[in-house]
PDB file of N, CA and C in Angstrom:
ATOM      1  N   MET A   1      11.642  14.427 -43.767  1.00  0.00           N
ATOM      2  CA  MET A   1      11.271  14.581 -45.155  1.00  0.00           C
ATOM      3  C   MET A   1      10.349  13.445 -45.602  1.00  0.00           C
ATOM      4  N   ARG A   2      10.647  12.244 -45.170  1.00  0.00           N
ATOM      5  CA  ARG A   2       9.833  11.104 -45.553  1.00  0.00           C
ATOM      6  C   ARG A   2       8.408  11.228 -44.998  1.00  0.00           C
ATOM      7  N   THR A   3       8.247  11.773 -43.813  1.00  0.00           N
ATOM      8  CA  THR A   3       6.929  11.962 -43.222  1.00  0.00           C
ATOM      9  C   THR A   3       6.080  12.895 -44.066  1.00  0.00           C
ATOM     10  N   ASP A   4       6.669  13.971 -44.574  1.00  0.00           N
ATOM     11  CA  ASP A   4       5.941  14.903 -45.427  1.00  0.00           C
ATOM     12  C   ASP A   4       5.433  14.195 -46.679  1.00  0.00           C
ATOM     13  N   ARG A   5       6.243  13.363 -47.254  1.00  0.00           N
ATOM     14  CA  ARG A   5       5.851  12.631 -48.457  1.00  0.00           C
ATOM     15  C   ARG A   5       4.696  11.682 -48.148  1.00  0.00           C
ATOM     16  N   PHE A   6       4.751  11.039 -46.990  1.00  0.00           N
ATOM     17  CA  PHE A   6       3.693  10.115 -46.584  1.00  0.00           C
ATOM     18  C   PHE A   6       2.362  10.844 -46.448  1.00  0.00           C
ATOM     19  N   ILE A   7       2.375  11.985 -45.837  1.00  0.00           N
ATOM     20  CA  ILE A   7       1.145  12.752 -45.629  1.00  0.00           C
ATOM     21  C   ILE A   7       0.578  13.218 -46.966  1.00  0.00           C
ATOM     22  N   GLU A   8       1.415  13.633 -47.875  1.00  0.00           N
ATOM     23  CA  GLU A   8       0.960  14.114 -49.177  1.00  0.00           C
ATOM     24  C   GLU A   8       0.325  12.999 -50.008  1.00  0.00           C
ATOM     25  N   THR A   9       0.833  11.792 -49.901  1.00  0.00           N
ATOM     26  CA  THR A   9       0.364  10.717 -50.755  1.00  0.00           C
ATOM     27  C   THR A   9      -0.768   9.912 -50.122  1.00  0.00           C
ATOM     28  N   GLU A  10      -1.071  10.140 -48.876  1.00  0.00           N
ATOM     29  CA  GLU A  10      -2.104   9.385 -48.186  1.00  0.00           C
ATOM     30  C   GLU A  10      -3.486   9.904 -48.579  1.00  0.00           C
ATOM     31  N   ASN A  11      -4.387   9.007 -48.887  1.00  0.00           N
ATOM     32  CA  ASN A  11      -5.753   9.366 -49.255  1.00  0.00           C
ATOM     33  C   ASN A  11      -6.592   9.392 -47.972  1.00  0.00           C
ATOM     34  N   SER A  12      -6.668  10.558 -47.353  1.00  0.00           N
ATOM     35  CA  SER A  12      -7.309  10.654 -46.046  1.00  0.00           C
ATOM     36  C   SER A  12      -8.819  10.435 -46.124  1.00  0.00           C
ATOM     37  N   LYS A  13      -9.462  10.838 -47.214  1.00  0.00           N
ATOM     38  CA  LYS A  13     -10.904  10.612 -47.334  1.00  0.00           C
ATOM     39  C   LYS A  13     -11.208   9.121 -47.382  1.00  0.00           C
ATOM     40  N   LEU A  14     -10.441   8.396 -48.140  1.00  0.00           N
ATOM     41  CA  LEU A  14     -10.636   6.955 -48.234  1.00  0.00           C
ATOM     42  C   LEU A  14     -10.405   6.297 -46.881  1.00  0.00           C
ATOM     43  N   LEU A  15      -9.379   6.721 -46.184  1.00  0.00           N
ATOM     44  CA  LEU A  15      -9.112   6.153 -44.864  1.00  0.00           C
ATOM     45  C   LEU A  15     -10.235   6.467 -43.876  1.00  0.00           C
ATOM     46  N   MET A  16     -10.767   7.674 -43.922  1.00  0.00           N
ATOM     47  CA  MET A  16     -11.865   8.026 -43.029  1.00  0.00           C
ATOM     48  C   MET A  16     -13.123   7.218 -43.364  1.00  0.00           C
ATOM     49  N   ASP A  17     -13.368   6.980 -44.641  1.00  0.00           N
ATOM     50  CA  ASP A  17     -14.509   6.141 -45.037  1.00  0.00           C
ATOM     51  C   ASP A  17     -14.347   4.720 -44.500  1.00  0.00           C
ATOM     52  N   ILE A  18     -13.137   4.205 -44.567  1.00  0.00           N
ATOM     53  CA  ILE A  18     -12.865   2.862 -44.059  1.00  0.00           C
ATOM     54  C   ILE A  18     -13.089   2.809 -42.557  1.00  0.00           C
ATOM     55  N   VAL A  19     -12.588   3.789 -41.836  1.00  0.00           N
ATOM     56  CA  VAL A  19     -12.757   3.824 -40.384  1.00  0.00           C
ATOM     57  C   VAL A  19     -14.236   3.909 -40.013  1.00  0.00           C
ATOM     58  N   GLU A  20     -14.975   4.789 -40.691  1.00  0.00           N
ATOM     59  CA  GLU A  20     -16.408   4.933 -40.400  1.00  0.00           C
ATOM     60  C   GLU A  20     -17.166   3.631 -40.647  1.00  0.00           C
ATOM     61  N   LEU A  21     -16.857   2.957 -41.743  1.00  0.00           N
ATOM     62  CA  LEU A  21     -17.518   1.684 -42.035  1.00  0.00           C
ATOM     63  C   LEU A  21     -17.176   0.619 -41.009  1.00  0.00           C
ATOM     64  N   ARG A  22     -15.927   0.604 -40.561  1.00  0.00           N
ATOM     65  CA  ARG A  22     -15.543  -0.379 -39.544  1.00  0.00           C
ATOM     66  C   ARG A  22     -16.299  -0.154 -38.242  1.00  0.00           C
ATOM     67  N   VAL A  23     -16.490   1.101 -37.880  1.00  0.00           N
ATOM     68  CA  VAL A  23     -17.246   1.422 -36.660  1.00  0.00           C
ATOM     69  C   VAL A  23     -18.706   1.010 -36.828  1.00  0.00           C
ATOM     70  N   LYS A  24     -19.304   1.341 -37.981  1.00  0.00           N
ATOM     71  CA  LYS A  24     -20.691   0.952 -38.237  1.00  0.00           C
ATOM     72  C   LYS A  24     -20.857  -0.560 -38.196  1.00  0.00           C
ATOM     73  N   LEU A  25     -19.920  -1.271 -38.826  1.00  0.00           N
ATOM     74  CA  LEU A  25     -19.995  -2.733 -38.827  1.00  0.00           C
ATOM     75  C   LEU A  25     -19.891  -3.297 -37.421  1.00  0.00           C
ATOM     76  N   SER A  26     -18.997  -2.749 -36.637  1.00  0.00           N
ATOM     77  CA  SER A  26     -18.836  -3.211 -35.263  1.00  0.00           C
ATOM     78  C   SER A  26     -20.114  -2.988 -34.458  1.00  0.00           C
ATOM     79  N   ASN A  27     -20.690  -1.802 -34.586  1.00  0.00           N
ATOM     80  CA  ASN A  27     -21.925  -1.509 -33.862  1.00  0.00           C
ATOM     81  C   ASN A  27     -23.073  -2.396 -34.333  1.00  0.00           C
ATOM     82  N   LEU A  28     -23.165  -2.593 -35.635  1.00  0.00           N
ATOM     83  CA  LEU A  28     -24.214  -3.440 -36.190  1.00  0.00           C
ATOM     84  C   LEU A  28     -24.039  -4.883 -35.745  1.00  0.00           C
ATOM     85  N   TYR A  29     -22.809  -5.350 -35.728  1.00  0.00           N
ATOM     86  CA  TYR A  29     -22.532  -6.712 -35.287  1.00  0.00           C
ATOM     87  C   TYR A  29     -22.944  -6.893 -33.828  1.00  0.00           C
ATOM     88  N   ASN A  30     -22.628  -5.905 -33.005  1.00  0.00           N
ATOM     89  CA  ASN A  30     -22.967  -5.995 -31.585  1.00  0.00           C
ATOM     90  C   ASN A  30     -24.475  -5.938 -31.342  1.00  0.00           C
ATOM     91  N   SER A  31     -25.207  -5.238 -32.193  1.00  0.00           N
ATOM     92  CA  SER A  31     -26.646  -5.102 -31.966  1.00  0.00           C
ATOM     93  C   SER A  31     -27.480  -6.186 -32.646  1.00  0.00           C
ATOM     94  N   THR A  32     -27.108  -6.588 -33.853  1.00  0.00           N
ATOM     95  CA  THR A  32     -27.937  -7.551 -34.589  1.00  0.00           C
ATOM     96  C   THR A  32     -27.206  -8.823 -35.006  1.00  0.00           C
ATOM     97  N   GLY A  33     -25.904  -8.811 -34.960  1.00  0.00           N
ATOM     98  CA  GLY A  33     -25.142  -9.961 -35.429  1.00  0.00           C
ATOM     99  C   GLY A  33     -24.828  -9.846 -36.911  1.00  0.00           C
ATOM    100  N   PRO A  34     -24.106 -10.816 -37.448  1.00  0.00           N
ATOM    101  CA  PRO A  34     -23.656 -10.740 -38.841  1.00  0.00           C
ATOM    102  C   PRO A  34     -24.662 -11.273 -39.860  1.00  0.00           C
ATOM    103  N   ASN A  35     -25.837 -11.685 -39.417  1.00  0.00           N
ATOM    104  CA  ASN A  35     -26.769 -12.339 -40.335  1.00  0.00           C
ATOM    105  C   ASN A  35     -27.828 -11.413 -40.920  1.00  0.00           C
ATOM    106  N   THR A  36     -27.541 -10.127 -41.008  1.00  0.00           N
ATOM    107  CA  THR A  36     -28.503  -9.211 -41.610  1.00  0.00           C
ATOM    108  C   THR A  36     -27.989  -8.752 -42.978  1.00  0.00           C
ATOM    109  N   SER A  37     -28.918  -8.384 -43.821  1.00  0.00           N
ATOM    110  CA  SER A  37     -28.526  -7.938 -45.159  1.00  0.00           C
ATOM    111  C   SER A  37     -27.741  -6.629 -45.090  1.00  0.00           C
ATOM    112  N   GLU A  38     -28.058  -5.770 -44.132  1.00  0.00           N
ATOM    113  CA  GLU A  38     -27.325  -4.506 -43.983  1.00  0.00           C
ATOM    114  C   GLU A  38     -25.868  -4.773 -43.604  1.00  0.00           C
ATOM    115  N   TYR A  39     -25.656  -5.736 -42.709  1.00  0.00           N
ATOM    116  CA  TYR A  39     -24.288  -6.077 -42.299  1.00  0.00           C
ATOM    117  C   TYR A  39     -23.492  -6.612 -43.492  1.00  0.00           C
ATOM    118  N   VAL A  40     -24.092  -7.498 -44.250  1.00  0.00           N
ATOM    119  CA  VAL A  40     -23.412  -8.086 -45.412  1.00  0.00           C
ATOM    120  C   VAL A  40     -23.089  -7.003 -46.432  1.00  0.00           C
ATOM    121  N   SER A  41     -24.033  -6.107 -46.672  1.00  0.00           N
ATOM    122  CA  SER A  41     -23.835  -5.029 -47.639  1.00  0.00           C
ATOM    123  C   SER A  41     -22.692  -4.105 -47.212  1.00  0.00           C
ATOM    124  N   LEU A  42     -22.683  -3.706 -45.942  1.00  0.00           N
ATOM    125  CA  LEU A  42     -21.608  -2.839 -45.447  1.00  0.00           C
ATOM    126  C   LEU A  42     -20.263  -3.561 -45.454  1.00  0.00           C
ATOM    127  N   SER A  43     -20.285  -4.842 -45.172  1.00  0.00           N
ATOM    128  CA  SER A  43     -19.053  -5.624 -45.181  1.00  0.00           C
ATOM    129  C   SER A  43     -18.452  -5.685 -46.587  1.00  0.00           C
ATOM    130  N   ILE A  44     -19.298  -5.863 -47.577  1.00  0.00           N
ATOM    131  CA  ILE A  44     -18.827  -5.889 -48.967  1.00  0.00           C
ATOM    132  C   ILE A  44     -18.284  -4.523 -49.364  1.00  0.00           C
ATOM    133  N   LYS A  45     -18.985  -3.468 -48.964  1.00  0.00           N
ATOM    134  CA  LYS A  45     -18.521  -2.114 -49.270  1.00  0.00           C
ATOM    135  C   LYS A  45     -17.163  -1.855 -48.625  1.00  0.00           C
ATOM    136  N   LEU A  46     -16.989  -2.308 -47.382  1.00  0.00           N
ATOM    137  CA  LEU A  46     -15.708  -2.148 -46.687  1.00  0.00           C
ATOM    138  C   LEU A  46     -14.601  -2.894 -47.427  1.00  0.00           C
ATOM    139  N   ASP A  47     -14.880  -4.097 -47.859  1.00  0.00           N
ATOM    140  CA  ASP A  47     -13.882  -4.862 -48.620  1.00  0.00           C
ATOM    141  C   ASP A  47     -13.470  -4.124 -49.892  1.00  0.00           C
ATOM    142  N   CYS A  48     -14.438  -3.550 -50.571  1.00  0.00           N
ATOM    143  CA  CYS A  48     -14.136  -2.806 -51.803  1.00  0.00           C
ATOM    144  C   CYS A  48     -13.271  -1.580 -51.513  1.00  0.00           C
ATOM    145  N   LEU A  49     -13.602  -0.845 -50.455  1.00  0.00           N
ATOM    146  CA  LEU A  49     -12.809   0.329 -50.095  1.00  0.00           C
ATOM    147  C   LEU A  49     -11.384  -0.061 -49.689  1.00  0.00           C
ATOM    148  N   MET A  50     -11.258  -1.148 -48.959  1.00  0.00           N
ATOM    149  CA  MET A  50      -9.924  -1.590 -48.555  1.00  0.00           C
ATOM    150  C   MET A  50      -9.112  -2.043 -49.765  1.00  0.00           C
ATOM    151  N   ASN A  51      -9.760  -2.712 -50.706  1.00  0.00           N
ATOM    152  CA  ASN A  51      -9.064  -3.109 -51.931  1.00  0.00           C
ATOM    153  C   ASN A  51      -8.606  -1.884 -52.720  1.00  0.00           C
ATOM    154  N   GLU A  52      -9.456  -0.866 -52.767  1.00  0.00           N
ATOM    155  CA  GLU A  52      -9.088   0.374 -53.445  1.00  0.00           C
ATOM    156  C   GLU A  52      -7.870   1.010 -52.774  1.00  0.00           C
ATOM    157  N   TYR A  53      -7.873   1.017 -51.453  1.00  0.00           N
ATOM    158  CA  TYR A  53      -6.745   1.575 -50.698  1.00  0.00           C
ATOM    159  C   TYR A  53      -5.460   0.799 -50.986  1.00  0.00           C
ATOM    160  N   PHE A  54      -5.550  -0.517 -50.951  1.00  0.00           N
ATOM    161  CA  PHE A  54      -4.367  -1.340 -51.210  1.00  0.00           C
ATOM    162  C   PHE A  54      -3.870  -1.169 -52.646  1.00  0.00           C
ATOM    163  N   ASP A  55      -4.789  -1.044 -53.596  1.00  0.00           N
ATOM    164  CA  ASP A  55      -4.391  -0.813 -54.983  1.00  0.00           C
ATOM    165  C   ASP A  55      -3.627   0.501 -55.130  1.00  0.00           C
ATOM    166  N   GLU A  56      -4.098   1.547 -54.434  1.00  0.00           N
ATOM    167  CA  GLU A  56      -3.382   2.821 -54.464  1.00  0.00           C
ATOM    168  C   GLU A  56      -1.977   2.684 -53.875  1.00  0.00           C
ATOM    169  N   LYS A  57      -1.874   1.957 -52.786  1.00  0.00           N
ATOM    170  CA  LYS A  57      -0.565   1.763 -52.150  1.00  0.00           C
ATOM    171  C   LYS A  57       0.376   0.993 -53.068  1.00  0.00           C
ATOM    172  N   LEU A  58      -0.128  -0.036 -53.710  1.00  0.00           N
ATOM    173  CA  LEU A  58       0.703  -0.819 -54.636  1.00  0.00           C
ATOM    174  C   LEU A  58       1.144   0.024 -55.823  1.00  0.00           C
ATOM    175  N   ALA A  59       0.276   0.891 -56.309  1.00  0.00           N
ATOM    176  CA  ALA A  59       0.631   1.761 -57.429  1.00  0.00           C
ATOM    177  C   ALA A  59       1.751   2.727 -57.029  1.00  0.00           C
ATOM    178  N   GLN A  60       1.762   3.161 -55.776  1.00  0.00           N
ATOM    179  CA  GLN A  60       2.815   4.053 -55.297  1.00  0.00           C
ATOM    180  C   GLN A  60       4.153   3.314 -55.198  1.00  0.00           C
ATOM    181  N   ILE A  61       4.102   2.057 -54.858  1.00  0.00           N
ATOM    182  CA  ILE A  61       5.331   1.271 -54.714  1.00  0.00           C
ATOM    183  C   ILE A  61       5.933   0.966 -56.076  1.00  0.00           C
ATOM    184  N   VAL A  62       5.084   0.614 -57.008  1.00  0.00           N
ATOM    185  CA  VAL A  62       5.537   0.228 -58.350  1.00  0.00           C
ATOM    186  C   VAL A  62       5.789   1.442 -59.140  1.00  0.00           C
TER     187      VAL A  62
END
């Protein structure tokens, strides 16, 4: 029963966006390093998405 509740409350689109950004960042880091404006921009976007995810999780707990 608890598993069903977890699946219903999970924001799968947000999680997929986070995963895609992490893959892009990893590939970009491997090809150009962290000193490009594109890398910094994607890194900031990833941080924002992760904060949004954590905020949703905290709202579910409270």
